[in-house]
Amino acid sequence: MLRASESSNCDFVEEYKNSVTFLNKNFPEWKITKYMKLSYCLTHHSANLKLAIVKKIYVFHMFRFFITTYKWITKTLKIDIKW
């Protein structure tokens, strides 16, 4: 999604919908799995913590804001966040 947001000839909203459709079709339980819940990740010191945070951002419909903020942090502040 990050690369789609940077492309001038790509519709971000359409790519976002395609990604969610792909996840729903191929991984139907991706929204309800316990391994992507913040509470599970914090209590079990899971490696899925970043994934759980991004899932919460998706649930709050703030994914585009997250992408914009992420790009600003990496370009302006020169901080590279490893996912």
N, C-alpha and C. Protein backbone atom coordinates (compact mmCIF):
# COMPACT_ATOMS: atom_id res chain seq x y z
N MET A 1 0.81 -1.18 0.00
CA MET A 1 0.00 0.00 0.00
C MET A 1 0.86 1.25 0.00
N LEU A 2 2.02 1.16 0.61
CA LEU A 2 2.91 2.31 0.62
C LEU A 2 3.34 2.67 -0.79
N ARG A 3 3.71 1.70 -1.57
CA ARG A 3 4.12 1.96 -2.95
C ARG A 3 2.94 2.45 -3.80
N ALA A 4 1.76 1.94 -3.54
CA ALA A 4 0.59 2.39 -4.28
C ALA A 4 0.28 3.85 -3.96
N SER A 5 0.51 4.26 -2.73
CA SER A 5 0.25 5.65 -2.36
C SER A 5 1.26 6.60 -2.99
N GLU A 6 2.45 6.12 -3.32
CA GLU A 6 3.48 6.97 -3.92
C GLU A 6 3.35 7.06 -5.44
N SER A 7 2.64 6.12 -6.03
CA SER A 7 2.50 6.09 -7.48
C SER A 7 1.48 7.12 -7.95
N SER A 8 1.82 7.86 -8.99
CA SER A 8 0.91 8.88 -9.50
C SER A 8 -0.17 8.30 -10.40
N ASN A 9 0.08 7.15 -10.98
CA ASN A 9 -0.90 6.55 -11.89
C ASN A 9 -1.73 5.45 -11.24
N CYS A 10 -1.73 5.39 -9.92
CA CYS A 10 -2.44 4.34 -9.19
C CYS A 10 -3.48 4.98 -8.28
N ASP A 11 -4.69 4.43 -8.29
CA ASP A 11 -5.76 4.92 -7.42
C ASP A 11 -5.65 4.22 -6.07
N PHE A 12 -5.31 4.98 -5.04
CA PHE A 12 -5.08 4.41 -3.71
C PHE A 12 -6.34 3.74 -3.17
N VAL A 13 -7.48 4.37 -3.33
CA VAL A 13 -8.73 3.82 -2.80
C VAL A 13 -9.05 2.49 -3.46
N GLU A 14 -8.85 2.41 -4.76
CA GLU A 14 -9.12 1.16 -5.48
C GLU A 14 -8.15 0.06 -5.04
N GLU A 15 -6.89 0.39 -4.88
CA GLU A 15 -5.91 -0.59 -4.42
C GLU A 15 -6.22 -1.05 -2.99
N TYR A 16 -6.66 -0.13 -2.17
CA TYR A 16 -7.05 -0.46 -0.79
C TYR A 16 -8.21 -1.46 -0.80
N LYS A 17 -9.22 -1.19 -1.61
CA LYS A 17 -10.36 -2.10 -1.72
C LYS A 17 -9.94 -3.47 -2.25
N ASN A 18 -9.05 -3.48 -3.24
CA ASN A 18 -8.55 -4.75 -3.77
C ASN A 18 -7.79 -5.55 -2.71
N SER A 19 -7.01 -4.86 -1.90
CA SER A 19 -6.26 -5.55 -0.84
C SER A 19 -7.18 -6.16 0.20
N VAL A 20 -8.19 -5.42 0.60
CA VAL A 20 -9.14 -5.93 1.59
C VAL A 20 -9.94 -7.09 1.00
N THR A 21 -10.31 -6.99 -0.25
CA THR A 21 -11.03 -8.08 -0.92
C THR A 21 -10.16 -9.34 -0.98
N PHE A 22 -8.89 -9.18 -1.29
CA PHE A 22 -7.97 -10.31 -1.32
C PHE A 22 -7.86 -10.97 0.05
N LEU A 23 -7.71 -10.15 1.09
CA LEU A 23 -7.61 -10.69 2.44
C LEU A 23 -8.89 -11.42 2.83
N ASN A 24 -10.03 -10.84 2.53
CA ASN A 24 -11.30 -11.47 2.89
C ASN A 24 -11.51 -12.78 2.14
N LYS A 25 -11.07 -12.84 0.90
CA LYS A 25 -11.26 -14.05 0.09
C LYS A 25 -10.31 -15.17 0.51
N ASN A 26 -9.04 -14.84 0.69
CA ASN A 26 -8.03 -15.87 0.95
C ASN A 26 -7.75 -16.13 2.43
N PHE A 27 -8.06 -15.17 3.27
CA PHE A 27 -7.84 -15.33 4.71
C PHE A 27 -9.10 -14.83 5.43
N PRO A 28 -10.19 -15.60 5.39
CA PRO A 28 -11.48 -15.10 5.89
C PRO A 28 -11.50 -14.76 7.38
N GLU A 29 -10.60 -15.29 8.15
CA GLU A 29 -10.60 -15.03 9.59
C GLU A 29 -9.55 -14.00 10.02
N TRP A 30 -9.02 -13.23 9.09
CA TRP A 30 -7.95 -12.31 9.42
C TRP A 30 -8.42 -11.20 10.37
N LYS A 31 -9.69 -10.89 10.39
CA LYS A 31 -10.19 -9.83 11.27
C LYS A 31 -10.46 -10.32 12.68
N ILE A 32 -10.66 -11.62 12.86
CA ILE A 32 -11.10 -12.12 14.16
C ILE A 32 -10.07 -13.02 14.86
N THR A 33 -8.93 -13.22 14.27
CA THR A 33 -7.95 -14.10 14.90
C THR A 33 -7.40 -13.48 16.19
N LYS A 34 -7.21 -14.30 17.19
CA LYS A 34 -6.74 -13.78 18.48
C LYS A 34 -5.27 -13.34 18.42
N TYR A 35 -4.53 -13.83 17.46
CA TYR A 35 -3.11 -13.52 17.37
C TYR A 35 -2.84 -12.10 16.88
N MET A 36 -3.86 -11.41 16.41
CA MET A 36 -3.70 -10.03 15.97
C MET A 36 -4.41 -9.05 16.90
N LYS A 37 -4.74 -9.47 18.09
CA LYS A 37 -5.35 -8.59 19.07
C LYS A 37 -4.26 -7.95 19.92
N LEU A 38 -4.42 -6.68 20.22
CA LEU A 38 -3.41 -5.98 21.03
C LEU A 38 -3.24 -6.64 22.39
N SER A 39 -4.32 -7.04 23.01
CA SER A 39 -4.23 -7.65 24.33
C SER A 39 -3.41 -8.94 24.30
N TYR A 40 -3.61 -9.75 23.27
CA TYR A 40 -2.84 -10.99 23.14
C TYR A 40 -1.36 -10.69 22.92
N CYS A 41 -1.09 -9.75 22.02
CA CYS A 41 0.31 -9.43 21.70
C CYS A 41 1.05 -8.86 22.90
N LEU A 42 0.37 -8.05 23.70
CA LEU A 42 1.02 -7.45 24.86
C LEU A 42 1.25 -8.46 25.98
N THR A 43 0.30 -9.37 26.20
CA THR A 43 0.46 -10.34 27.27
C THR A 43 1.41 -11.48 26.91
N HIS A 44 1.53 -11.80 25.63
CA HIS A 44 2.39 -12.90 25.21
C HIS A 44 3.69 -12.43 24.55
N HIS A 45 3.97 -11.14 24.59
CA HIS A 45 5.17 -10.57 23.97
C HIS A 45 5.34 -11.09 22.54
N SER A 46 4.27 -10.95 21.81
CA SER A 46 4.20 -11.49 20.46
C SER A 46 4.93 -10.61 19.46
N ALA A 47 5.40 -11.25 18.41
CA ALA A 47 6.05 -10.52 17.31
C ALA A 47 5.00 -9.84 16.43
N ASN A 48 3.74 -10.12 16.66
CA ASN A 48 2.66 -9.56 15.86
C ASN A 48 2.20 -8.19 16.37
N LEU A 49 2.92 -7.58 17.27
CA LEU A 49 2.48 -6.32 17.85
C LEU A 49 2.28 -5.23 16.80
N LYS A 50 3.22 -5.08 15.89
CA LYS A 50 3.09 -4.06 14.85
C LYS A 50 1.90 -4.38 13.94
N LEU A 51 1.69 -5.64 13.66
CA LEU A 51 0.56 -6.06 12.85
C LEU A 51 -0.76 -5.73 13.57
N ALA A 52 -0.79 -5.96 14.86
CA ALA A 52 -2.00 -5.66 15.64
C ALA A 52 -2.28 -4.16 15.66
N ILE A 53 -1.23 -3.35 15.72
CA ILE A 53 -1.40 -1.89 15.71
C ILE A 53 -1.97 -1.44 14.36
N VAL A 54 -1.42 -1.96 13.28
CA VAL A 54 -1.91 -1.59 11.95
C VAL A 54 -3.34 -2.09 11.75
N LYS A 55 -3.68 -3.23 12.31
CA LYS A 55 -5.06 -3.72 12.22
C LYS A 55 -6.01 -2.76 12.94
N LYS A 56 -5.61 -2.25 14.10
CA LYS A 56 -6.43 -1.27 14.82
C LYS A 56 -6.59 0.00 13.99
N ILE A 57 -5.54 0.42 13.32
CA ILE A 57 -5.62 1.60 12.47
C ILE A 57 -6.62 1.34 11.34
N TYR A 58 -6.62 0.13 10.80
CA TYR A 58 -7.59 -0.25 9.76
C TYR A 58 -9.01 -0.20 10.33
N VAL A 59 -9.21 -0.74 11.51
CA VAL A 59 -10.54 -0.77 12.13
C VAL A 59 -11.07 0.64 12.35
N PHE A 60 -10.20 1.57 12.70
CA PHE A 60 -10.60 2.96 12.93
C PHE A 60 -10.68 3.77 11.64
N HIS A 61 -10.50 3.13 10.49
CA HIS A 61 -10.56 3.77 9.16
C HIS A 61 -9.57 4.93 9.05
N MET A 62 -8.37 4.72 9.55
CA MET A 62 -7.34 5.75 9.49
C MET A 62 -6.10 5.27 8.74
N PHE A 63 -6.27 4.31 7.83
CA PHE A 63 -5.12 3.73 7.15
C PHE A 63 -4.42 4.73 6.24
N ARG A 64 -5.19 5.54 5.53
CA ARG A 64 -4.58 6.53 4.64
C ARG A 64 -3.79 7.56 5.45
N PHE A 65 -4.33 7.98 6.59
CA PHE A 65 -3.62 8.89 7.48
C PHE A 65 -2.33 8.25 7.97
N PHE A 66 -2.39 6.96 8.30
CA PHE A 66 -1.20 6.23 8.76
C PHE A 66 -0.13 6.20 7.68
N ILE A 67 -0.52 5.92 6.44
CA ILE A 67 0.44 5.88 5.33
C ILE A 67 1.08 7.25 5.14
N THR A 68 0.27 8.30 5.17
CA THR A 68 0.79 9.66 5.00
C THR A 68 1.76 10.02 6.12
N THR A 69 1.40 9.70 7.34
CA THR A 69 2.27 9.97 8.49
C THR A 69 3.56 9.17 8.40
N TYR A 70 3.45 7.91 8.03
CA TYR A 70 4.62 7.05 7.89
C TYR A 70 5.60 7.62 6.85
N LYS A 71 5.05 8.04 5.71
CA LYS A 71 5.91 8.61 4.67
C LYS A 71 6.58 9.89 5.17
N TRP A 72 5.84 10.72 5.90
CA TRP A 72 6.40 11.96 6.42
C TRP A 72 7.53 11.67 7.41
N ILE A 73 7.33 10.72 8.30
CA ILE A 73 8.35 10.38 9.30
C ILE A 73 9.61 9.86 8.62
N THR A 74 9.46 8.98 7.64
CA THR A 74 10.63 8.39 7.01
C THR A 74 11.37 9.37 6.11
N LYS A 75 10.65 10.29 5.48
CA LYS A 75 11.32 11.24 4.57
C LYS A 75 11.83 12.48 5.28
N THR A 76 11.04 13.06 6.16
CA THR A 76 11.40 14.32 6.80
C THR A 76 12.36 14.10 7.97
N LEU A 77 12.02 13.18 8.85
CA LEU A 77 12.84 12.94 10.04
C LEU A 77 13.96 11.93 9.80
N LYS A 78 13.96 11.30 8.64
CA LYS A 78 14.98 10.31 8.27
C LYS A 78 15.03 9.14 9.27
N ILE A 79 13.86 8.75 9.77
CA ILE A 79 13.76 7.62 10.67
C ILE A 79 13.21 6.45 9.88
N ASP A 80 13.94 5.35 9.86
CA ASP A 80 13.52 4.18 9.12
C ASP A 80 12.85 3.20 10.10
N ILE A 81 11.59 2.93 9.90
CA ILE A 81 10.84 2.04 10.77
C ILE A 81 10.79 0.67 10.10
N LYS A 82 11.32 -0.31 10.76
CA LYS A 82 11.37 -1.68 10.21
C LYS A 82 10.07 -2.40 10.56
N TRP A 83 9.42 -2.94 9.55
CA TRP A 83 8.20 -3.69 9.75
C TRP A 83 8.50 -5.15 9.49
